[in-house]
């Protein structure tokens, strides 16, 4: 999805990333297509769980809810994802997208199942010994 890591706050289990959607992500209205907005939110929430578990767990979604607040422009947007609560079997995640003026564009919540990162997965985070 072309994310750029910005920061991770361990105290609040919140990750901040940026996305710069390419023109190919545009809907006929000229803004980012809704399914791709869901992808941004899914990625930032997943990154929050991955960061909160030191790169050990990924969150396959059991449930995903999204609210569109404004059209998402084809410009750099900021995403914040956080772990609300994570147990052994279920994690509750939240994510938001903001424009450069700080306006809320979209929001999502997810109920997910924390799952170990597959060792052979392309792009999996390698743990240092």
N, C-alpha and C. Protein backbone atom coordinates (compact mmCIF):
# COMPACT_ATOMS: atom_id res chain seq x y z
N UNK A 1 0.83 -1.20 0.00
CA UNK A 1 0.00 0.00 0.00
C UNK A 1 0.87 1.26 0.00
N UNK A 2 2.17 1.09 0.08
CA UNK A 2 3.06 2.24 0.01
C UNK A 2 3.14 3.05 1.28
N UNK A 3 3.13 2.39 2.43
CA UNK A 3 3.18 3.13 3.68
C UNK A 3 4.60 3.59 4.01
N UNK A 4 4.65 4.69 4.73
CA UNK A 4 5.92 5.25 5.23
C UNK A 4 5.78 5.36 6.74
N UNK A 5 6.58 4.58 7.49
CA UNK A 5 6.54 4.59 8.94
C UNK A 5 6.95 5.97 9.45
N UNK A 6 6.20 6.49 10.43
CA UNK A 6 6.51 7.79 11.03
C UNK A 6 6.94 7.61 12.49
N UNK A 7 6.11 6.92 13.29
CA UNK A 7 6.41 6.79 14.72
C UNK A 7 5.61 5.67 15.35
N UNK A 8 6.11 5.20 16.49
CA UNK A 8 5.38 4.24 17.32
C UNK A 8 5.47 4.71 18.76
N UNK A 9 4.33 4.82 19.43
CA UNK A 9 4.26 5.20 20.84
C UNK A 9 3.86 3.94 21.62
N UNK A 10 4.83 3.35 22.32
CA UNK A 10 4.59 2.10 23.04
C UNK A 10 3.58 2.29 24.17
N UNK A 11 3.58 3.45 24.79
CA UNK A 11 2.68 3.69 25.92
C UNK A 11 1.21 3.57 25.50
N UNK A 12 0.88 4.12 24.35
CA UNK A 12 -0.51 4.07 23.87
C UNK A 12 -0.72 2.99 22.81
N UNK A 13 0.34 2.23 22.48
CA UNK A 13 0.30 1.19 21.43
C UNK A 13 -0.25 1.76 20.12
N UNK A 14 0.23 2.96 19.78
CA UNK A 14 -0.24 3.67 18.59
C UNK A 14 0.90 3.85 17.59
N UNK A 15 0.62 3.49 16.35
CA UNK A 15 1.58 3.68 15.27
C UNK A 15 1.06 4.78 14.35
N UNK A 16 1.98 5.57 13.81
CA UNK A 16 1.63 6.61 12.84
C UNK A 16 2.39 6.31 11.56
N UNK A 17 1.68 6.28 10.45
CA UNK A 17 2.29 6.08 9.14
C UNK A 17 1.70 7.09 8.16
N UNK A 18 2.36 7.25 7.03
CA UNK A 18 1.83 8.10 5.96
C UNK A 18 1.62 7.24 4.72
N UNK A 19 0.61 7.62 3.96
CA UNK A 19 0.35 7.00 2.67
C UNK A 19 0.28 8.13 1.64
N UNK A 20 0.82 7.88 0.46
CA UNK A 20 0.67 8.81 -0.66
C UNK A 20 0.03 8.03 -1.80
N UNK A 21 -1.29 8.11 -1.92
CA UNK A 21 -1.98 7.33 -2.94
C UNK A 21 -1.63 7.79 -4.35
N UNK A 22 -1.31 6.86 -5.24
CA UNK A 22 -1.02 7.21 -6.63
C UNK A 22 -2.32 7.51 -7.40
N UNK A 23 -2.22 8.16 -8.54
CA UNK A 23 -3.41 8.46 -9.35
C UNK A 23 -4.24 7.21 -9.68
N UNK A 24 -3.60 6.05 -9.76
CA UNK A 24 -4.34 4.82 -10.09
C UNK A 24 -5.31 4.42 -8.98
N UNK A 25 -5.21 5.01 -7.78
CA UNK A 25 -6.12 4.71 -6.68
C UNK A 25 -7.41 5.53 -6.74
N UNK A 26 -7.53 6.41 -7.73
CA UNK A 26 -8.67 7.33 -7.81
C UNK A 26 -9.94 6.63 -8.26
N UNK A 27 -11.04 7.03 -7.65
CA UNK A 27 -12.37 6.63 -8.11
C UNK A 27 -12.78 7.61 -9.21
N UNK A 28 -13.91 7.37 -9.87
CA UNK A 28 -14.38 8.33 -10.88
C UNK A 28 -14.62 9.74 -10.31
N UNK A 29 -14.80 9.84 -9.01
CA UNK A 29 -15.01 11.15 -8.37
C UNK A 29 -13.70 11.91 -8.15
N UNK A 30 -12.55 11.23 -8.37
CA UNK A 30 -11.26 11.89 -8.21
C UNK A 30 -10.63 11.73 -6.84
N UNK A 31 -11.26 10.98 -5.96
CA UNK A 31 -10.72 10.72 -4.63
C UNK A 31 -10.33 9.25 -4.56
N UNK A 32 -9.70 8.86 -3.45
CA UNK A 32 -9.28 7.47 -3.29
C UNK A 32 -10.51 6.57 -3.20
N UNK A 33 -10.46 5.45 -3.93
CA UNK A 33 -11.55 4.47 -3.97
C UNK A 33 -11.71 3.84 -2.58
N UNK A 34 -12.95 3.56 -2.19
CA UNK A 34 -13.27 3.08 -0.84
C UNK A 34 -12.58 1.81 -0.42
N UNK A 35 -12.44 0.85 -1.32
CA UNK A 35 -11.76 -0.39 -0.95
C UNK A 35 -10.30 -0.17 -0.62
N UNK A 36 -9.69 0.79 -1.27
CA UNK A 36 -8.28 1.11 -0.99
C UNK A 36 -8.15 1.85 0.34
N UNK A 37 -9.17 2.65 0.68
CA UNK A 37 -9.20 3.30 1.99
C UNK A 37 -9.24 2.22 3.07
N UNK A 38 -10.05 1.20 2.85
CA UNK A 38 -10.10 0.07 3.79
C UNK A 38 -8.73 -0.58 3.91
N UNK A 39 -8.03 -0.69 2.79
CA UNK A 39 -6.68 -1.26 2.82
C UNK A 39 -5.72 -0.43 3.65
N UNK A 40 -5.78 0.90 3.54
CA UNK A 40 -4.93 1.77 4.35
C UNK A 40 -5.21 1.53 5.84
N UNK A 41 -6.49 1.52 6.18
CA UNK A 41 -6.87 1.35 7.58
C UNK A 41 -6.49 -0.04 8.10
N UNK A 42 -6.70 -1.05 7.29
CA UNK A 42 -6.33 -2.41 7.68
C UNK A 42 -4.82 -2.49 7.93
N UNK A 43 -4.05 -1.89 7.04
CA UNK A 43 -2.59 -1.93 7.18
C UNK A 43 -2.13 -1.21 8.44
N UNK A 44 -2.68 -0.04 8.74
CA UNK A 44 -2.21 0.70 9.91
C UNK A 44 -2.61 0.00 11.21
N UNK A 45 -3.79 -0.63 11.23
CA UNK A 45 -4.18 -1.37 12.43
C UNK A 45 -3.30 -2.61 12.61
N UNK A 46 -3.02 -3.29 11.51
CA UNK A 46 -2.14 -4.46 11.57
C UNK A 46 -0.74 -4.09 12.00
N UNK A 47 -0.24 -2.95 11.52
CA UNK A 47 1.08 -2.48 11.90
C UNK A 47 1.13 -2.17 13.40
N UNK A 48 0.03 -1.66 13.94
CA UNK A 48 -0.02 -1.36 15.38
C UNK A 48 0.13 -2.65 16.20
N UNK A 49 -0.58 -3.71 15.81
CA UNK A 49 -0.45 -4.97 16.55
C UNK A 49 0.94 -5.56 16.36
N UNK A 50 1.46 -5.50 15.17
CA UNK A 50 2.81 -6.01 14.90
C UNK A 50 3.83 -5.27 15.76
N UNK A 51 3.72 -3.95 15.85
CA UNK A 51 4.65 -3.16 16.67
C UNK A 51 4.47 -3.45 18.16
N UNK A 52 3.23 -3.57 18.60
CA UNK A 52 2.96 -3.80 20.02
C UNK A 52 3.43 -5.17 20.49
N UNK A 53 3.60 -6.11 19.55
CA UNK A 53 4.04 -7.47 19.92
C UNK A 53 5.47 -7.73 19.46
N UNK A 54 6.24 -6.67 19.27
CA UNK A 54 7.65 -6.80 18.85
C UNK A 54 7.82 -7.63 17.59
N UNK A 55 6.91 -7.45 16.64
CA UNK A 55 7.02 -8.12 15.35
C UNK A 55 6.61 -9.58 15.36
N UNK A 56 5.91 -10.02 16.40
CA UNK A 56 5.57 -11.44 16.50
C UNK A 56 4.16 -11.82 16.03
N UNK A 57 3.20 -10.87 16.10
CA UNK A 57 1.82 -11.23 15.79
C UNK A 57 1.21 -10.35 14.70
N UNK A 58 0.46 -10.99 13.82
CA UNK A 58 -0.34 -10.32 12.79
C UNK A 58 -1.81 -10.52 13.12
N UNK A 59 -2.69 -9.61 12.66
CA UNK A 59 -4.09 -9.70 13.03
C UNK A 59 -5.06 -10.05 11.90
N UNK A 60 -5.23 -11.31 11.56
CA UNK A 60 -6.31 -11.60 10.61
C UNK A 60 -7.64 -11.10 11.18
N UNK A 61 -8.39 -10.36 10.38
CA UNK A 61 -9.64 -9.76 10.86
C UNK A 61 -10.74 -10.79 11.02
N UNK A 62 -11.43 -10.69 12.13
CA UNK A 62 -12.68 -11.44 12.34
C UNK A 62 -13.85 -10.53 11.98
N UNK A 63 -13.63 -9.22 12.14
CA UNK A 63 -14.65 -8.22 11.91
C UNK A 63 -13.94 -6.93 11.53
N UNK A 64 -14.51 -6.18 10.60
CA UNK A 64 -13.91 -4.91 10.17
C UNK A 64 -15.05 -3.95 9.89
N UNK A 65 -15.05 -2.82 10.59
CA UNK A 65 -16.08 -1.79 10.39
C UNK A 65 -15.42 -0.47 10.03
N UNK A 66 -15.99 0.21 9.05
CA UNK A 66 -15.38 1.44 8.56
C UNK A 66 -16.44 2.52 8.39
N UNK A 67 -16.03 3.76 8.70
CA UNK A 67 -16.89 4.92 8.51
C UNK A 67 -16.13 5.93 7.66
N UNK A 68 -16.75 6.40 6.58
CA UNK A 68 -16.17 7.45 5.75
C UNK A 68 -16.67 8.80 6.27
N UNK A 69 -15.76 9.71 6.54
CA UNK A 69 -16.13 11.03 7.05
C UNK A 69 -16.02 12.12 5.98
N UNK A 70 -15.02 11.99 5.11
CA UNK A 70 -14.78 12.92 4.01
C UNK A 70 -14.15 12.14 2.86
N UNK A 71 -14.16 12.73 1.68
CA UNK A 71 -13.45 12.10 0.57
C UNK A 71 -11.96 12.12 0.87
N UNK A 72 -11.27 11.03 0.55
CA UNK A 72 -9.83 10.94 0.79
C UNK A 72 -9.12 11.43 -0.47
N UNK A 73 -8.37 12.54 -0.34
CA UNK A 73 -7.73 13.14 -1.52
C UNK A 73 -6.52 12.34 -1.99
N UNK A 74 -6.16 12.57 -3.22
CA UNK A 74 -4.95 11.95 -3.79
C UNK A 74 -3.73 12.79 -3.39
N UNK A 75 -3.48 12.84 -2.12
CA UNK A 75 -2.33 13.53 -1.56
C UNK A 75 -1.90 12.76 -0.32
N UNK A 76 -0.76 13.10 0.23
CA UNK A 76 -0.26 12.39 1.40
C UNK A 76 -1.23 12.53 2.55
N UNK A 77 -1.57 11.39 3.15
CA UNK A 77 -2.47 11.35 4.29
C UNK A 77 -1.74 10.67 5.46
N UNK A 78 -2.17 11.00 6.65
CA UNK A 78 -1.59 10.41 7.86
C UNK A 78 -2.56 9.41 8.43
N UNK A 79 -2.03 8.26 8.83
CA UNK A 79 -2.85 7.20 9.42
C UNK A 79 -2.34 6.91 10.82
N UNK A 80 -3.27 6.70 11.73
CA UNK A 80 -2.94 6.30 13.09
C UNK A 80 -3.68 5.00 13.38
N UNK A 81 -2.94 4.03 13.89
CA UNK A 81 -3.53 2.75 14.27
C UNK A 81 -3.14 2.44 15.69
N UNK A 82 -4.08 1.84 16.43
CA UNK A 82 -3.77 1.53 17.82
C UNK A 82 -4.39 0.22 18.24
N UNK A 83 -3.74 -0.37 19.21
CA UNK A 83 -4.26 -1.58 19.85
C UNK A 83 -5.05 -1.11 21.06
N UNK A 84 -6.35 -1.39 21.06
CA UNK A 84 -7.20 -1.03 22.18
C UNK A 84 -7.03 -2.06 23.30
N UNK A 85 -7.04 -3.31 22.91
CA UNK A 85 -6.82 -4.41 23.85
C UNK A 85 -6.41 -5.63 23.04
N UNK A 86 -5.43 -6.35 23.56
CA UNK A 86 -5.00 -7.58 22.88
C UNK A 86 -4.84 -8.70 23.90
N UNK A 87 -5.56 -9.76 23.64
CA UNK A 87 -5.43 -10.96 24.45
C UNK A 87 -4.80 -12.06 23.62
N UNK A 88 -4.81 -13.28 24.14
CA UNK A 88 -4.23 -14.40 23.40
C UNK A 88 -5.07 -14.78 22.18
N UNK A 89 -6.37 -14.62 22.27
CA UNK A 89 -7.26 -15.07 21.18
C UNK A 89 -7.88 -13.95 20.36
N UNK A 90 -8.03 -12.77 20.97
CA UNK A 90 -8.71 -11.67 20.28
C UNK A 90 -7.99 -10.35 20.57
N UNK A 91 -7.91 -9.52 19.53
CA UNK A 91 -7.38 -8.17 19.67
C UNK A 91 -8.41 -7.18 19.13
N UNK A 92 -8.52 -6.04 19.79
CA UNK A 92 -9.42 -4.98 19.36
C UNK A 92 -8.54 -3.83 18.87
N UNK A 93 -8.74 -3.44 17.62
CA UNK A 93 -7.89 -2.45 16.97
C UNK A 93 -8.71 -1.28 16.46
N UNK A 94 -8.05 -0.14 16.27
CA UNK A 94 -8.72 1.06 15.81
C UNK A 94 -7.77 1.81 14.87
N UNK A 95 -8.32 2.46 13.86
CA UNK A 95 -7.49 3.23 12.94
C UNK A 95 -8.22 4.44 12.41
N UNK A 96 -7.46 5.49 12.10
CA UNK A 96 -8.01 6.70 11.50
C UNK A 96 -7.10 7.21 10.40
N UNK A 97 -7.69 7.90 9.43
CA UNK A 97 -6.96 8.59 8.37
C UNK A 97 -7.24 10.08 8.49
N UNK A 98 -6.18 10.90 8.33
CA UNK A 98 -6.30 12.35 8.42
C UNK A 98 -5.68 13.01 7.20
N UNK A 99 -6.25 14.14 6.77
CA UNK A 99 -5.63 14.90 5.69
C UNK A 99 -4.55 15.80 6.27
N UNK A 100 -3.88 16.58 5.40
CA UNK A 100 -2.75 17.39 5.87
C UNK A 100 -3.18 18.51 6.81
N UNK A 101 -4.47 18.87 6.82
CA UNK A 101 -4.98 19.89 7.74
C UNK A 101 -5.44 19.28 9.06
N UNK A 102 -5.34 17.95 9.18
CA UNK A 102 -5.74 17.29 10.42
C UNK A 102 -7.20 16.89 10.49
N UNK A 103 -7.92 16.99 9.37
CA UNK A 103 -9.34 16.59 9.34
C UNK A 103 -9.45 15.07 9.28
N UNK A 104 -10.37 14.52 10.06
CA UNK A 104 -10.63 13.08 10.03
C UNK A 104 -11.30 12.72 8.71
N UNK A 105 -10.71 11.77 7.99
CA UNK A 105 -11.24 11.34 6.69
C UNK A 105 -12.02 10.04 6.78
N UNK A 106 -11.50 9.10 7.55
CA UNK A 106 -12.14 7.79 7.68
C UNK A 106 -11.67 7.16 8.98
N UNK A 107 -12.50 6.25 9.49
CA UNK A 107 -12.19 5.59 10.75
C UNK A 107 -12.60 4.13 10.64
N UNK A 108 -11.86 3.25 11.30
CA UNK A 108 -12.20 1.83 11.28
C UNK A 108 -11.91 1.20 12.63
N UNK A 109 -12.63 0.13 12.91
CA UNK A 109 -12.34 -0.72 14.05
C UNK A 109 -12.28 -2.15 13.54
N UNK A 110 -11.52 -2.95 14.25
CA UNK A 110 -11.38 -4.35 13.86
C UNK A 110 -11.31 -5.22 15.10
N UNK A 111 -11.96 -6.35 15.02
CA UNK A 111 -11.77 -7.43 15.98
C UNK A 111 -10.94 -8.44 15.21
N UNK A 112 -9.80 -8.80 15.76
CA UNK A 112 -8.86 -9.64 15.03
C UNK A 112 -8.36 -10.79 15.90
N UNK A 113 -7.76 -11.76 15.25
CA UNK A 113 -7.23 -12.94 15.93
C UNK A 113 -5.69 -12.88 15.86
N UNK A 114 -5.01 -12.52 16.96
CA UNK A 114 -3.55 -12.45 16.92
C UNK A 114 -2.95 -13.80 16.50
N UNK A 115 -2.13 -13.77 15.46
CA UNK A 115 -1.57 -14.98 14.87
C UNK A 115 -0.07 -14.78 14.64
N UNK A 116 0.75 -15.78 14.97
CA UNK A 116 2.19 -15.63 14.75
C UNK A 116 2.52 -15.31 13.30
N UNK A 117 3.53 -14.46 13.12
CA UNK A 117 4.01 -14.13 11.78
C UNK A 117 4.60 -15.39 11.17
N UNK A 118 4.14 -15.78 9.98
CA UNK A 118 4.72 -16.97 9.35
C UNK A 118 6.21 -16.76 9.04
N UNK A 119 7.03 -17.71 9.41
CA UNK A 119 8.47 -17.59 9.21
C UNK A 119 8.86 -17.47 7.76
N UNK A 120 8.14 -18.13 6.87
CA UNK A 120 8.50 -18.16 5.45
C UNK A 120 7.77 -17.11 4.63
N UNK A 121 6.99 -16.25 5.28
CA UNK A 121 6.21 -15.26 4.53
C UNK A 121 7.13 -14.21 3.92
N UNK A 122 6.91 -13.88 2.63
CA UNK A 122 7.70 -12.81 2.01
C UNK A 122 7.48 -11.51 2.77
N UNK A 123 8.55 -10.85 3.12
CA UNK A 123 8.44 -9.59 3.82
C UNK A 123 8.22 -9.72 5.32
N UNK A 124 8.23 -10.95 5.85
CA UNK A 124 8.04 -11.14 7.28
C UNK A 124 9.23 -10.51 8.02
N UNK A 125 8.93 -9.97 9.16
CA UNK A 125 9.97 -9.34 9.97
C UNK A 125 10.82 -10.42 10.61
N UNK A 126 12.11 -10.37 10.36
CA UNK A 126 13.04 -11.35 10.92
C UNK A 126 13.44 -10.93 12.34
N UNK A 127 13.36 -11.84 13.28
CA UNK A 127 13.78 -11.58 14.65
C UNK A 127 15.28 -11.82 14.76
N UNK A 128 15.98 -10.88 15.38
CA UNK A 128 17.42 -11.04 15.57
C UNK A 128 17.67 -11.90 16.80
N UNK A 129 18.64 -12.77 16.71
CA UNK A 129 18.94 -13.65 17.83
C UNK A 129 19.78 -12.94 18.85
